Amino acid sequence: MMTKTTKNQINPNKLLLSKWTAVQPVNKEKHFLVAELLKDEQEQIIGCVLEAVINNRKIEMAWQELSNSENWLLGWR
């Protein structure tokens, strides 16, 4: 039996300052805020910088990774 992976619906233009919860917290880092958007020469959004709320550590990643609901949940939970 195959399980269907659900995807978070994301509009990259509305990502800035959005809140995310890591499904599997690492180093007690569970809640994140999109602190910055990374753009290419054509101003297309190619990535984002997540900031952990607990310690302000920053993680740079492709914004599309947030669509995987097995790793990320929209909002703080």
C-alpha atoms as a PDB file:
ATOM      1  CA  MET A   1       0.000   0.000   0.000  1.00  0.00           C
ATOM      2  CA  MET A   2       1.411   3.391  -0.985  1.00  0.00           C
ATOM      3  CA  THR A   3       0.988   6.380   1.264  1.00  0.00           C
ATOM      4  CA  LYS A   4       0.395   9.738  -0.297  1.00  0.00           C
ATOM      5  CA  THR A   5       2.671  12.527   0.877  1.00  0.00           C
ATOM      6  CA  THR A   6       0.706  15.669   1.513  1.00  0.00           C
ATOM      7  CA  LYS A   7       2.224  18.931   0.426  1.00  0.00           C
ATOM      8  CA  ASN A   8       2.024  22.337   2.034  1.00  0.00           C
ATOM      9  CA  GLN A   9       0.674  24.856  -0.462  1.00  0.00           C
ATOM     10  CA  ILE A  10       3.192  27.696  -0.639  1.00  0.00           C
ATOM     11  CA  ASN A  11       3.136  31.027  -2.417  1.00  0.00           C
ATOM     12  CA  PRO A  12       6.824  32.061  -2.461  1.00  0.00           C
ATOM     13  CA  ASN A  13       5.827  35.738  -2.552  1.00  0.00           C
ATOM     14  CA  LYS A  14       4.132  35.372   0.848  1.00  0.00           C
ATOM     15  CA  LEU A  15       6.915  33.395   2.554  1.00  0.00           C
ATOM     16  CA  LEU A  16       8.683  36.290   4.268  1.00  0.00           C
ATOM     17  CA  LEU A  17       7.963  36.269   8.039  1.00  0.00           C
ATOM     18  CA  SER A  18       5.826  33.126   7.750  1.00  0.00           C
ATOM     19  CA  LYS A  19       5.981  30.694  10.691  1.00  0.00           C
ATOM     20  CA  TRP A  20       6.941  27.005  10.427  1.00  0.00           C
ATOM     21  CA  THR A  21       7.184  24.034  12.791  1.00  0.00           C
ATOM     22  CA  ALA A  22       9.766  21.292  12.272  1.00  0.00           C
ATOM     23  CA  VAL A  23       8.165  17.836  12.495  1.00  0.00           C
ATOM     24  CA  GLN A  24      11.437  16.395  13.877  1.00  0.00           C
ATOM     25  CA  PRO A  25      13.062  19.091  16.054  1.00  0.00           C
ATOM     26  CA  VAL A  26      16.864  19.155  16.252  1.00  0.00           C
ATOM     27  CA  ASN A  27      18.689  20.825  19.179  1.00  0.00           C
ATOM     28  CA  LYS A  28      15.295  21.791  20.638  1.00  0.00           C
ATOM     29  CA  GLU A  29      14.728  23.924  17.542  1.00  0.00           C
ATOM     30  CA  LYS A  30      11.107  23.407  16.611  1.00  0.00           C
ATOM     31  CA  HIS A  31       9.664  26.798  15.670  1.00  0.00           C
ATOM     32  CA  PHE A  32      11.080  28.840  12.803  1.00  0.00           C
ATOM     33  CA  LEU A  33      10.404  32.127  11.071  1.00  0.00           C
ATOM     34  CA  VAL A  34      11.299  32.885   7.447  1.00  0.00           C
ATOM     35  CA  ALA A  35      13.709  35.762   8.097  1.00  0.00           C
ATOM     36  CA  GLU A  36      14.938  36.389   4.560  1.00  0.00           C
ATOM     37  CA  LEU A  37      14.216  35.458   0.948  1.00  0.00           C
ATOM     38  CA  LEU A  38      17.094  34.649  -1.413  1.00  0.00           C
ATOM     39  CA  LYS A  39      16.657  35.826  -5.010  1.00  0.00           C
ATOM     40  CA  ASP A  40      18.540  35.335  -8.269  1.00  0.00           C
ATOM     41  CA  GLU A  41      19.514  37.994 -10.807  1.00  0.00           C
ATOM     42  CA  GLN A  42      15.975  38.015 -12.237  1.00  0.00           C
ATOM     43  CA  GLU A  43      14.504  38.603  -8.749  1.00  0.00           C
ATOM     44  CA  GLN A  44      13.051  35.076  -8.693  1.00  0.00           C
ATOM     45  CA  ILE A  45      12.885  33.558  -5.202  1.00  0.00           C
ATOM     46  CA  ILE A  46      15.345  30.660  -5.096  1.00  0.00           C
ATOM     47  CA  GLY A  47      15.684  30.070  -1.357  1.00  0.00           C
ATOM     48  CA  CYS A  48      14.959  31.286   2.120  1.00  0.00           C
ATOM     49  CA  VAL A  49      16.647  31.737   5.476  1.00  0.00           C
ATOM     50  CA  LEU A  50      14.827  30.174   8.412  1.00  0.00           C
ATOM     51  CA  GLU A  51      15.582  31.524  11.875  1.00  0.00           C
ATOM     52  CA  ALA A  52      15.015  29.318  14.930  1.00  0.00           C
ATOM     53  CA  VAL A  53      12.884  31.158  17.477  1.00  0.00           C
ATOM     54  CA  ILE A  54      14.603  29.568  20.507  1.00  0.00           C
ATOM     55  CA  ASN A  55      18.194  30.628  19.684  1.00  0.00           C
ATOM     56  CA  ASN A  56      18.104  32.717  16.459  1.00  0.00           C
ATOM     57  CA  ARG A  57      20.257  30.181  14.564  1.00  0.00           C
ATOM     58  CA  LYS A  58      19.789  30.590  10.822  1.00  0.00           C
ATOM     59  CA  ILE A  59      19.342  27.838   8.227  1.00  0.00           C
ATOM     60  CA  GLU A  60      19.533  28.506   4.491  1.00  0.00           C
ATOM     61  CA  MET A  61      17.442  26.230   2.277  1.00  0.00           C
ATOM     62  CA  ALA A  62      15.484  25.998  -0.971  1.00  0.00           C
ATOM     63  CA  TRP A  63      12.000  27.383  -0.287  1.00  0.00           C
ATOM     64  CA  GLN A  64      10.431  24.332  -1.990  1.00  0.00           C
ATOM     65  CA  GLU A  65      11.627  22.125   0.906  1.00  0.00           C
ATOM     66  CA  LEU A  66       8.932  23.701   3.077  1.00  0.00           C
ATOM     67  CA  SER A  67       6.269  22.064   0.889  1.00  0.00           C
ATOM     68  CA  ASN A  68       7.159  18.625   2.345  1.00  0.00           C
ATOM     69  CA  SER A  69       4.642  18.196   5.153  1.00  0.00           C
ATOM     70  CA  GLU A  70       6.589  15.189   6.475  1.00  0.00           C
ATOM     71  CA  ASN A  71       9.285  17.655   7.588  1.00  0.00           C
ATOM     72  CA  TRP A  72       7.513  21.007   7.951  1.00  0.00           C
ATOM     73  CA  LEU A  73       4.133  22.209   9.199  1.00  0.00           C
ATOM     74  CA  LEU A  74       2.789  25.661   8.381  1.00  0.00           C
ATOM     75  CA  GLY A  75       2.392  27.774  11.537  1.00  0.00           C
ATOM     76  CA  TRP A  76       3.594  27.123  15.066  1.00  0.00           C
ATOM     77  CA  ARG A  77       2.189  23.977  16.675  1.00  0.00           C
END
